[in-house]
Amino acid sequence: MWLHSTPVLLGTVTLDAAGDTVVTIPADAVFGDHKIVVQALDGSLIGWDTIKIDTASQVGPDGEWLATVILAGTGKRRRADANRLSSELSSWRG
């Protein structure tokens, strides 16, 4: 799984039965529009979706920056630790 605009490998993940997974968004990720890209182990595209990482709005109790993450196409807005994003990428575009 990758975070694009400048490609950053988020890691190799396994999706659960519902197609969900948890990925780590680097603390130094640039705020703004990005794509989450999922590829098979052979490099073929499985799908992608857009996300927006907004400006940091608060700091958690352990000093981690929190960011608002908007999953485009889902209509869901959620507050997530910038280092940990539980994503439901339900509207894949391949």
PDB file of N, CA and C in Angstrom:
ATOM      1  N   MET A   1       0.857  -1.159   0.000  1.00  0.00           N
ATOM      2  CA  MET A   1       0.000   0.000   0.000  1.00  0.00           C
ATOM      3  C   MET A   1       0.905   1.224   0.000  1.00  0.00           C
ATOM      4  N   TRP A   2       0.547   2.203  -0.825  1.00  0.00           N
ATOM      5  CA  TRP A   2       1.364   3.401  -1.025  1.00  0.00           C
ATOM      6  C   TRP A   2       0.552   4.661  -0.755  1.00  0.00           C
ATOM      7  N   LEU A   3       1.235   5.697  -0.293  1.00  0.00           N
ATOM      8  CA  LEU A   3       0.672   7.039  -0.198  1.00  0.00           C
ATOM      9  C   LEU A   3       1.339   7.847  -1.302  1.00  0.00           C
ATOM     10  N   HIS A   4       0.528   8.441  -2.172  1.00  0.00           N
ATOM     11  CA  HIS A   4       1.060   9.264  -3.268  1.00  0.00           C
ATOM     12  C   HIS A   4       0.612  10.694  -3.044  1.00  0.00           C
ATOM     13  N   SER A   5       1.255  11.671  -3.185  1.00  0.00           N
ATOM     14  CA  SER A   5       1.742  12.327  -4.373  1.00  0.00           C
ATOM     15  C   SER A   5       3.209  12.002  -4.573  1.00  0.00           C
ATOM     16  N   THR A   6       4.067  12.185  -3.630  1.00  0.00           N
ATOM     17  CA  THR A   6       5.402  11.611  -3.710  1.00  0.00           C
ATOM     18  C   THR A   6       5.275  10.218  -3.114  1.00  0.00           C
ATOM     19  N   PRO A   7       5.521   9.161  -3.888  1.00  0.00           N
ATOM     20  CA  PRO A   7       5.252   7.808  -3.381  1.00  0.00           C
ATOM     21  C   PRO A   7       6.000   7.486  -2.090  1.00  0.00           C
ATOM     22  N   VAL A   8       5.238   7.022  -1.101  1.00  0.00           N
ATOM     23  CA  VAL A   8       5.777   6.574   0.177  1.00  0.00           C
ATOM     24  C   VAL A   8       5.156   5.213   0.450  1.00  0.00           C
ATOM     25  N   LEU A   9       5.989   4.195   0.629  1.00  0.00           N
ATOM     26  CA  LEU A   9       5.482   2.866   0.926  1.00  0.00           C
ATOM     27  C   LEU A   9       4.937   2.846   2.345  1.00  0.00           C
ATOM     28  N   LEU A  10       3.654   2.532   2.487  1.00  0.00           N
ATOM     29  CA  LEU A  10       3.033   2.444   3.806  1.00  0.00           C
ATOM     30  C   LEU A  10       3.181   1.052   4.391  1.00  0.00           C
ATOM     31  N   GLY A  11       3.484   0.087   3.549  1.00  0.00           N
ATOM     32  CA  GLY A  11       3.720  -1.266   4.020  1.00  0.00           C
ATOM     33  C   GLY A  11       2.914  -2.292   3.255  1.00  0.00           C
ATOM     34  N   THR A  12       3.202  -3.545   3.554  1.00  0.00           N
ATOM     35  CA  THR A  12       2.446  -4.659   3.005  1.00  0.00           C
ATOM     36  C   THR A  12       1.355  -4.987   4.007  1.00  0.00           C
ATOM     37  N   VAL A  13       0.122  -5.047   3.539  1.00  0.00           N
ATOM     38  CA  VAL A  13      -1.008  -5.246   4.441  1.00  0.00           C
ATOM     39  C   VAL A  13      -1.859  -6.416   3.973  1.00  0.00           C
ATOM     40  N   THR A  14      -2.684  -6.915   4.879  1.00  0.00           N
ATOM     41  CA  THR A  14      -3.690  -7.918   4.572  1.00  0.00           C
ATOM     42  C   THR A  14      -5.038  -7.297   4.874  1.00  0.00           C
ATOM     43  N   LEU A  15      -5.953  -7.364   3.915  1.00  0.00           N
ATOM     44  CA  LEU A  15      -7.297  -6.832   4.119  1.00  0.00           C
ATOM     45  C   LEU A  15      -8.144  -7.862   4.838  1.00  0.00           C
ATOM     46  N   ASP A  16      -9.042  -7.408   5.718  1.00  0.00           N
ATOM     47  CA  ASP A  16      -9.960  -8.332   6.370  1.00  0.00           C
ATOM     48  C   ASP A  16     -11.101  -8.676   5.416  1.00  0.00           C
ATOM     49  N   ALA A  17     -12.063  -9.470   5.873  1.00  0.00           N
ATOM     50  CA  ALA A  17     -13.165  -9.927   5.018  1.00  0.00           C
ATOM     51  C   ALA A  17     -13.974  -8.774   4.448  1.00  0.00           C
ATOM     52  N   ALA A  18     -14.024  -7.654   5.158  1.00  0.00           N
ATOM     53  CA  ALA A  18     -14.777  -6.484   4.692  1.00  0.00           C
ATOM     54  C   ALA A  18     -13.940  -5.604   3.762  1.00  0.00           C
ATOM     55  N   GLY A  19     -12.664  -5.945   3.577  1.00  0.00           N
ATOM     56  CA  GLY A  19     -11.794  -5.141   2.723  1.00  0.00           C
ATOM     57  C   GLY A  19     -11.125  -4.002   3.461  1.00  0.00           C
ATOM     58  N   ASP A  20     -11.125  -4.029   4.784  1.00  0.00           N
ATOM     59  CA  ASP A  20     -10.540  -2.967   5.604  1.00  0.00           C
ATOM     60  C   ASP A  20      -9.139  -3.356   6.066  1.00  0.00           C
ATOM     61  N   THR A  21      -8.352  -2.359   6.380  1.00  0.00           N
ATOM     62  CA  THR A  21      -7.031  -2.572   6.948  1.00  0.00           C
ATOM     63  C   THR A  21      -6.633  -1.328   7.737  1.00  0.00           C
ATOM     64  N   VAL A  22      -5.570  -1.410   8.469  1.00  0.00           N
ATOM     65  CA  VAL A  22      -5.023  -0.269   9.205  1.00  0.00           C
ATOM     66  C   VAL A  22      -3.647   0.012   8.627  1.00  0.00           C
ATOM     67  N   VAL A  23      -3.400   1.272   8.299  1.00  0.00           N
ATOM     68  CA  VAL A  23      -2.096   1.669   7.772  1.00  0.00           C
ATOM     69  C   VAL A  23      -1.540   2.809   8.605  1.00  0.00           C
ATOM     70  N   THR A  24      -0.245   2.976   8.533  1.00  0.00           N
ATOM     71  CA  THR A  24       0.429   4.059   9.239  1.00  0.00           C
ATOM     72  C   THR A  24       0.720   5.182   8.255  1.00  0.00           C
ATOM     73  N   ILE A  25       0.243   6.378   8.580  1.00  0.00           N
ATOM     74  CA  ILE A  25       0.557   7.567   7.796  1.00  0.00           C
ATOM     75  C   ILE A  25       1.760   8.230   8.473  1.00  0.00           C
ATOM     76  N   PRO A  26       2.856   8.427   7.752  1.00  0.00           N
ATOM     77  CA  PRO A  26       4.046   9.014   8.379  1.00  0.00           C
ATOM     78  C   PRO A  26       3.753  10.375   9.014  1.00  0.00           C
ATOM     79  N   ALA A  27       4.384  10.629  10.142  1.00  0.00           N
ATOM     80  CA  ALA A  27       4.179  11.894  10.849  1.00  0.00           C
ATOM     81  C   ALA A  27       4.604  13.087  10.004  1.00  0.00           C
ATOM     82  N   ASP A  28       5.540  12.870   9.073  1.00  0.00           N
ATOM     83  CA  ASP A  28       6.013  13.977   8.243  1.00  0.00           C
ATOM     84  C   ASP A  28       5.277  14.073   6.906  1.00  0.00           C
ATOM     85  N   ALA A  29       4.136  13.380   6.780  1.00  0.00           N
ATOM     86  CA  ALA A  29       3.355  13.464   5.538  1.00  0.00           C
ATOM     87  C   ALA A  29       2.915  14.907   5.313  1.00  0.00           C
ATOM     88  N   VAL A  30       3.024  15.345   4.079  1.00  0.00           N
ATOM     89  CA  VAL A  30       2.645  16.707   3.717  1.00  0.00           C
ATOM     90  C   VAL A  30       1.126  16.828   3.761  1.00  0.00           C
ATOM     91  N   PHE A  31       0.627  17.911   4.356  1.00  0.00           N
ATOM     92  CA  PHE A  31      -0.810  18.146   4.378  1.00  0.00           C
ATOM     93  C   PHE A  31      -1.295  18.430   2.966  1.00  0.00           C
ATOM     94  N   GLY A  32      -2.507  17.989   2.652  1.00  0.00           N
ATOM     95  CA  GLY A  32      -3.078  18.222   1.329  1.00  0.00           C
ATOM     96  C   GLY A  32      -3.674  16.961   0.741  1.00  0.00           C
ATOM     97  N   ASP A  33      -3.861  16.981  -0.573  1.00  0.00           N
ATOM     98  CA  ASP A  33      -4.491  15.875  -1.286  1.00  0.00           C
ATOM     99  C   ASP A  33      -3.467  14.793  -1.610  1.00  0.00           C
ATOM    100  N   HIS A  34      -3.883  13.554  -1.409  1.00  0.00           N
ATOM    101  CA  HIS A  34      -3.039  12.394  -1.676  1.00  0.00           C
ATOM    102  C   HIS A  34      -3.903  11.280  -2.238  1.00  0.00           C
ATOM    103  N   LYS A  35      -3.254  10.231  -2.698  1.00  0.00           N
ATOM    104  CA  LYS A  35      -3.933   9.001  -3.085  1.00  0.00           C
ATOM    105  C   LYS A  35      -3.368   7.867  -2.244  1.00  0.00           C
ATOM    106  N   ILE A  36      -4.254   6.969  -1.831  1.00  0.00           N
ATOM    107  CA  ILE A  36      -3.846   5.700  -1.252  1.00  0.00           C
ATOM    108  C   ILE A  36      -3.935   4.701  -2.400  1.00  0.00           C
ATOM    109  N   VAL A  37      -2.831   4.045  -2.721  1.00  0.00           N
ATOM    110  CA  VAL A  37      -2.767   3.122  -3.854  1.00  0.00           C
ATOM    111  C   VAL A  37      -2.473   1.723  -3.321  1.00  0.00           C
ATOM    112  N   VAL A  38      -3.270   0.754  -3.772  1.00  0.00           N
ATOM    113  CA  VAL A  38      -3.078  -0.635  -3.361  1.00  0.00           C
ATOM    114  C   VAL A  38      -2.654  -1.437  -4.584  1.00  0.00           C
ATOM    115  N   GLN A  39      -1.534  -2.132  -4.429  1.00  0.00           N
ATOM    116  CA  GLN A  39      -1.017  -2.971  -5.503  1.00  0.00           C
ATOM    117  C   GLN A  39      -0.879  -4.406  -5.001  1.00  0.00           C
ATOM    118  N   ALA A  40      -1.041  -5.365  -5.919  1.00  0.00           N
ATOM    119  CA  ALA A  40      -0.784  -6.770  -5.607  1.00  0.00           C
ATOM    120  C   ALA A  40       0.722  -6.964  -5.457  1.00  0.00           C
ATOM    121  N   LEU A  41       1.123  -8.106  -4.915  1.00  0.00           N
ATOM    122  CA  LEU A  41       2.548  -8.366  -4.737  1.00  0.00           C
ATOM    123  C   LEU A  41       3.319  -8.336  -6.049  1.00  0.00           C
ATOM    124  N   ASP A  42       2.635  -8.625  -7.173  1.00  0.00           N
ATOM    125  CA  ASP A  42       3.312  -8.577  -8.476  1.00  0.00           C
ATOM    126  C   ASP A  42       3.378  -7.166  -9.054  1.00  0.00           C
ATOM    127  N   GLY A  43       2.874  -6.173  -8.310  1.00  0.00           N
ATOM    128  CA  GLY A  43       2.926  -4.780  -8.743  1.00  0.00           C
ATOM    129  C   GLY A  43       1.709  -4.305  -9.512  1.00  0.00           C
ATOM    130  N   SER A  44       0.786  -5.221  -9.830  1.00  0.00           N
ATOM    131  CA  SER A  44      -0.412  -4.808 -10.567  1.00  0.00           C
ATOM    132  C   SER A  44      -1.341  -3.999  -9.661  1.00  0.00           C
ATOM    133  N   LEU A  45      -2.024  -3.036 -10.254  1.00  0.00           N
ATOM    134  CA  LEU A  45      -2.913  -2.149  -9.511  1.00  0.00           C
ATOM    135  C   LEU A  45      -4.178  -2.882  -9.089  1.00  0.00           C
ATOM    136  N   ILE A  46      -4.497  -2.827  -7.799  1.00  0.00           N
ATOM    137  CA  ILE A  46      -5.770  -3.341  -7.295  1.00  0.00           C
ATOM    138  C   ILE A  46      -6.774  -2.204  -7.271  1.00  0.00           C
ATOM    139  N   GLY A  47      -6.358  -1.050  -6.765  1.00  0.00           N
ATOM    140  CA  GLY A  47      -7.254   0.098  -6.730  1.00  0.00           C
ATOM    141  C   GLY A  47      -6.636   1.262  -5.988  1.00  0.00           C
ATOM    142  N   TRP A  48      -7.372   2.369  -5.958  1.00  0.00           N
ATOM    143  CA  TRP A  48      -6.891   3.569  -5.281  1.00  0.00           C
ATOM    144  C   TRP A  48      -8.084   4.402  -4.851  1.00  0.00           C
ATOM    145  N   ASP A  49      -7.850   5.299  -3.928  1.00  0.00           N
ATOM    146  CA  ASP A  49      -8.845   6.275  -3.510  1.00  0.00           C
ATOM    147  C   ASP A  49      -8.107   7.521  -3.062  1.00  0.00           C
ATOM    148  N   THR A  50      -8.793   8.639  -3.073  1.00  0.00           N
ATOM    149  CA  THR A  50      -8.173   9.898  -2.670  1.00  0.00           C
ATOM    150  C   THR A  50      -8.448  10.170  -1.200  1.00  0.00           C
ATOM    151  N   ILE A  51      -7.496  10.817  -0.542  1.00  0.00           N
ATOM    152  CA  ILE A  51      -7.679  11.288   0.827  1.00  0.00           C
ATOM    153  C   ILE A  51      -7.145  12.711   0.891  1.00  0.00           C
ATOM    154  N   LYS A  52      -7.563  13.428   1.901  1.00  0.00           N
ATOM    155  CA  LYS A  52      -7.034  14.769   2.156  1.00  0.00           C
ATOM    156  C   LYS A  52      -6.577  14.795   3.601  1.00  0.00           C
ATOM    157  N   ILE A  53      -5.338  15.180   3.803  1.00  0.00           N
ATOM    158  CA  ILE A  53      -4.809  15.351   5.151  1.00  0.00           C
ATOM    159  C   ILE A  53      -4.808  16.843   5.412  1.00  0.00           C
ATOM    160  N   ASP A  54      -5.670  17.284   6.344  1.00  0.00           N
ATOM    161  CA  ASP A  54      -5.793  18.699   6.678  1.00  0.00           C
ATOM    162  C   ASP A  54      -4.724  19.095   7.684  1.00  0.00           C
ATOM    163  N   THR A  55      -4.640  20.385   7.929  1.00  0.00           N
ATOM    164  CA  THR A  55      -3.662  20.903   8.884  1.00  0.00           C
ATOM    165  C   THR A  55      -3.882  20.290  10.254  1.00  0.00           C
ATOM    166  N   ALA A  56      -2.792  20.135  10.967  1.00  0.00           N
ATOM    167  CA  ALA A  56      -2.875  19.564  12.314  1.00  0.00           C
ATOM    168  C   ALA A  56      -3.757  20.442  13.173  1.00  0.00           C
ATOM    169  N   SER A  57      -4.662  19.815  13.887  1.00  0.00           N
ATOM    170  CA  SER A  57      -5.610  20.595  14.664  1.00  0.00           C
ATOM    171  C   SER A  57      -5.368  20.504  16.159  1.00  0.00           C
ATOM    172  N   GLN A  58      -4.706  19.464  16.607  1.00  0.00           N
ATOM    173  CA  GLN A  58      -4.433  19.340  18.031  1.00  0.00           C
ATOM    174  C   GLN A  58      -3.342  18.311  18.241  1.00  0.00           C
ATOM    175  N   VAL A  59      -2.785  18.318  19.413  1.00  0.00           N
ATOM    176  CA  VAL A  59      -1.748  17.364  19.770  1.00  0.00           C
ATOM    177  C   VAL A  59      -2.319  16.435  20.820  1.00  0.00           C
ATOM    178  N   GLY A  60      -2.086  15.137  20.639  1.00  0.00           N
ATOM    179  CA  GLY A  60      -2.588  14.142  21.581  1.00  0.00           C
ATOM    180  C   GLY A  60      -1.789  14.163  22.868  1.00  0.00           C
ATOM    181  N   PRO A  61      -2.236  13.382  23.855  1.00  0.00           N
ATOM    182  CA  PRO A  61      -1.587  13.380  25.168  1.00  0.00           C
ATOM    183  C   PRO A  61      -0.131  12.928  25.127  1.00  0.00           C
ATOM    184  N   ASP A  62       0.248  12.132  24.134  1.00  0.00           N
ATOM    185  CA  ASP A  62       1.629  11.675  24.052  1.00  0.00           C
ATOM    186  C   ASP A  62       2.452  12.496  23.065  1.00  0.00           C
ATOM    187  N   GLY A  63       1.916  13.659  22.654  1.00  0.00           N
ATOM    188  CA  GLY A  63       2.654  14.563  21.792  1.00  0.00           C
ATOM    189  C   GLY A  63       2.511  14.301  20.311  1.00  0.00           C
ATOM    190  N   GLU A  64       1.723  13.294  19.924  1.00  0.00           N
ATOM    191  CA  GLU A  64       1.542  13.020  18.505  1.00  0.00           C
ATOM    192  C   GLU A  64       0.606  14.048  17.894  1.00  0.00           C
ATOM    193  N   TRP A  65       0.917  14.453  16.670  1.00  0.00           N
ATOM    194  CA  TRP A  65       0.041  15.378  15.955  1.00  0.00           C
ATOM    195  C   TRP A  65      -1.191  14.643  15.485  1.00  0.00           C
ATOM    196  N   LEU A  66      -2.326  15.291  15.638  1.00  0.00           N
ATOM    197  CA  LEU A  66      -3.570  14.739  15.122  1.00  0.00           C
ATOM    198  C   LEU A  66      -3.941  15.505  13.874  1.00  0.00           C
ATOM    199  N   ALA A  67      -4.528  14.832  12.922  1.00  0.00           N
ATOM    200  CA  ALA A  67      -4.946  15.470  11.679  1.00  0.00           C
ATOM    201  C   ALA A  67      -6.344  15.004  11.340  1.00  0.00           C
ATOM    202  N   THR A  68      -7.073  15.828  10.622  1.00  0.00           N
ATOM    203  CA  THR A  68      -8.374  15.424  10.121  1.00  0.00           C
ATOM    204  C   THR A  68      -8.158  14.807   8.757  1.00  0.00           C
ATOM    205  N   VAL A  69      -8.671  13.615   8.586  1.00  0.00           N
ATOM    206  CA  VAL A  69      -8.511  12.906   7.327  1.00  0.00           C
ATOM    207  C   VAL A  69      -9.881  12.752   6.696  1.00  0.00           C
ATOM    208  N   ILE A  70     -10.003  13.178   5.456  1.00  0.00           N
ATOM    209  CA  ILE A  70     -11.262  13.073   4.731  1.00  0.00           C
ATOM    210  C   ILE A  70     -11.083  12.018   3.661  1.00  0.00           C
ATOM    211  N   LEU A  71     -11.921  10.984   3.697  1.00  0.00           N
ATOM    212  CA  LEU A  71     -11.874   9.959   2.669  1.00  0.00           C
ATOM    213  C   LEU A  71     -12.830  10.363   1.570  1.00  0.00           C
ATOM    214  N   ALA A  72     -12.292  10.830   0.466  1.00  0.00           N
ATOM    215  CA  ALA A  72     -13.119  11.306  -0.642  1.00  0.00           C
ATOM    216  C   ALA A  72     -13.946  10.157  -1.192  1.00  0.00           C
ATOM    217  N   GLY A  73     -15.175  10.462  -1.564  1.00  0.00           N
ATOM    218  CA  GLY A  73     -16.047   9.461  -2.140  1.00  0.00           C
ATOM    219  C   GLY A  73     -16.845   8.685  -1.119  1.00  0.00           C
ATOM    220  N   THR A  74     -16.478   8.753   0.159  1.00  0.00           N
ATOM    221  CA  THR A  74     -17.228   8.021   1.168  1.00  0.00           C
ATOM    222  C   THR A  74     -18.145   8.943   1.950  1.00  0.00           C
ATOM    223  N   GLY A  75     -17.882  10.253   1.881  1.00  0.00           N
ATOM    224  CA  GLY A  75     -18.681  11.196   2.644  1.00  0.00           C
ATOM    225  C   GLY A  75     -18.395  11.134   4.132  1.00  0.00           C
ATOM    226  N   LYS A  76     -17.376  10.382   4.528  1.00  0.00           N
ATOM    227  CA  LYS A  76     -17.055  10.241   5.947  1.00  0.00           C
ATOM    228  C   LYS A  76     -15.908  11.168   6.306  1.00  0.00           C
ATOM    229  N   ARG A  77     -16.015  11.789   7.427  1.00  0.00           N
ATOM    230  CA  ARG A  77     -14.952  12.650   7.942  1.00  0.00           C
ATOM    231  C   ARG A  77     -14.571  12.072   9.286  1.00  0.00           C
ATOM    232  N   ARG A  78     -13.310  11.831   9.481  1.00  0.00           N
ATOM    233  CA  ARG A  78     -12.909  11.255  10.751  1.00  0.00           C
ATOM    234  C   ARG A  78     -11.630  11.913  11.235  1.00  0.00           C
ATOM    235  N   ARG A  79     -11.502  11.993  12.527  1.00  0.00           N
ATOM    236  CA  ARG A  79     -10.290  12.524  13.130  1.00  0.00           C
ATOM    237  C   ARG A  79      -9.387  11.332  13.395  1.00  0.00           C
ATOM    238  N   ALA A  80      -8.156  11.414  12.937  1.00  0.00           N
ATOM    239  CA  ALA A  80      -7.251  10.281  13.082  1.00  0.00           C
ATOM    240  C   ALA A  80      -5.876  10.771  13.474  1.00  0.00           C
ATOM    241  N   ASP A  81      -5.207   9.982  14.277  1.00  0.00           N
ATOM    242  CA  ASP A  81      -3.821  10.238  14.588  1.00  0.00           C
ATOM    243  C   ASP A  81      -3.072  10.235  13.255  1.00  0.00           C
ATOM    244  N   ALA A  82      -2.246  11.211  13.007  1.00  0.00           N
ATOM    245  CA  ALA A  82      -1.525  11.283  11.734  1.00  0.00           C
ATOM    246  C   ALA A  82      -0.624  10.073  11.538  1.00  0.00           C
ATOM    247  N   ASN A  83      -0.307   9.356  12.613  1.00  0.00           N
ATOM    248  CA  ASN A  83       0.522   8.161  12.499  1.00  0.00           C
ATOM    249  C   ASN A  83      -0.291   6.885  12.347  1.00  0.00           C
ATOM    250  N   ARG A  84      -1.600   6.955  12.493  1.00  0.00           N
ATOM    251  CA  ARG A  84      -2.393   5.735  12.428  1.00  0.00           C
ATOM    252  C   ARG A  84      -3.742   6.074  11.823  1.00  0.00           C
ATOM    253  N   LEU A  85      -4.071   5.495  10.708  1.00  0.00           N
ATOM    254  CA  LEU A  85      -5.322   5.772  10.003  1.00  0.00           C
ATOM    255  C   LEU A  85      -6.025   4.461   9.742  1.00  0.00           C
ATOM    256  N   SER A  86      -7.211   4.302  10.309  1.00  0.00           N
ATOM    257  CA  SER A  86      -8.021   3.134  10.003  1.00  0.00           C
ATOM    258  C   SER A  86      -8.880   3.516   8.821  1.00  0.00           C
ATOM    259  N   SER A  87      -8.619   2.888   7.681  1.00  0.00           N
ATOM    260  CA  SER A  87      -9.276   3.345   6.463  1.00  0.00           C
ATOM    261  C   SER A  87     -10.241   2.315   5.919  1.00  0.00           C
ATOM    262  N   GLU A  88     -11.374   2.789   5.440  1.00  0.00           N
ATOM    263  CA  GLU A  88     -12.356   1.976   4.766  1.00  0.00           C
ATOM    264  C   GLU A  88     -12.420   2.500   3.338  1.00  0.00           C
ATOM    265  N   LEU A  89     -11.588   1.955   2.491  1.00  0.00           N
ATOM    266  CA  LEU A  89     -11.499   2.443   1.123  1.00  0.00           C
ATOM    267  C   LEU A  89     -12.546   1.706   0.301  1.00  0.00           C
ATOM    268  N   SER A  90     -13.780   2.188   0.404  1.00  0.00           N
ATOM    269  CA  SER A  90     -14.906   1.451  -0.149  1.00  0.00           C
ATOM    270  C   SER A  90     -15.195   1.764  -1.605  1.00  0.00           C
ATOM    271  N   SER A  91     -14.661   2.853  -2.128  1.00  0.00           N
ATOM    272  CA  SER A  91     -14.983   3.213  -3.511  1.00  0.00           C
ATOM    273  C   SER A  91     -13.728   3.142  -4.372  1.00  0.00           C
ATOM    274  N   TRP A  92     -13.212   1.934  -4.525  1.00  0.00           N
ATOM    275  CA  TRP A  92     -11.979   1.735  -5.287  1.00  0.00           C
ATOM    276  C   TRP A  92     -12.162   2.143  -6.730  1.00  0.00           C
ATOM    277  N   ARG A  93     -11.127   2.709  -7.285  1.00  0.00           N
ATOM    278  CA  ARG A  93     -11.087   3.039  -8.708  1.00  0.00           C
ATOM    279  C   ARG A  93      -9.888   2.302  -9.283  1.00  0.00           C
ATOM    280  N   GLY A  94     -10.102   1.456 -10.257  1.00  0.00           N
ATOM    281  CA  GLY A  94      -8.990   0.675 -10.804  1.00  0.00           C
ATOM    282  C   GLY A  94      -8.695   1.019 -12.221  1.00  0.00           C
TER     283      GLY A  94
END
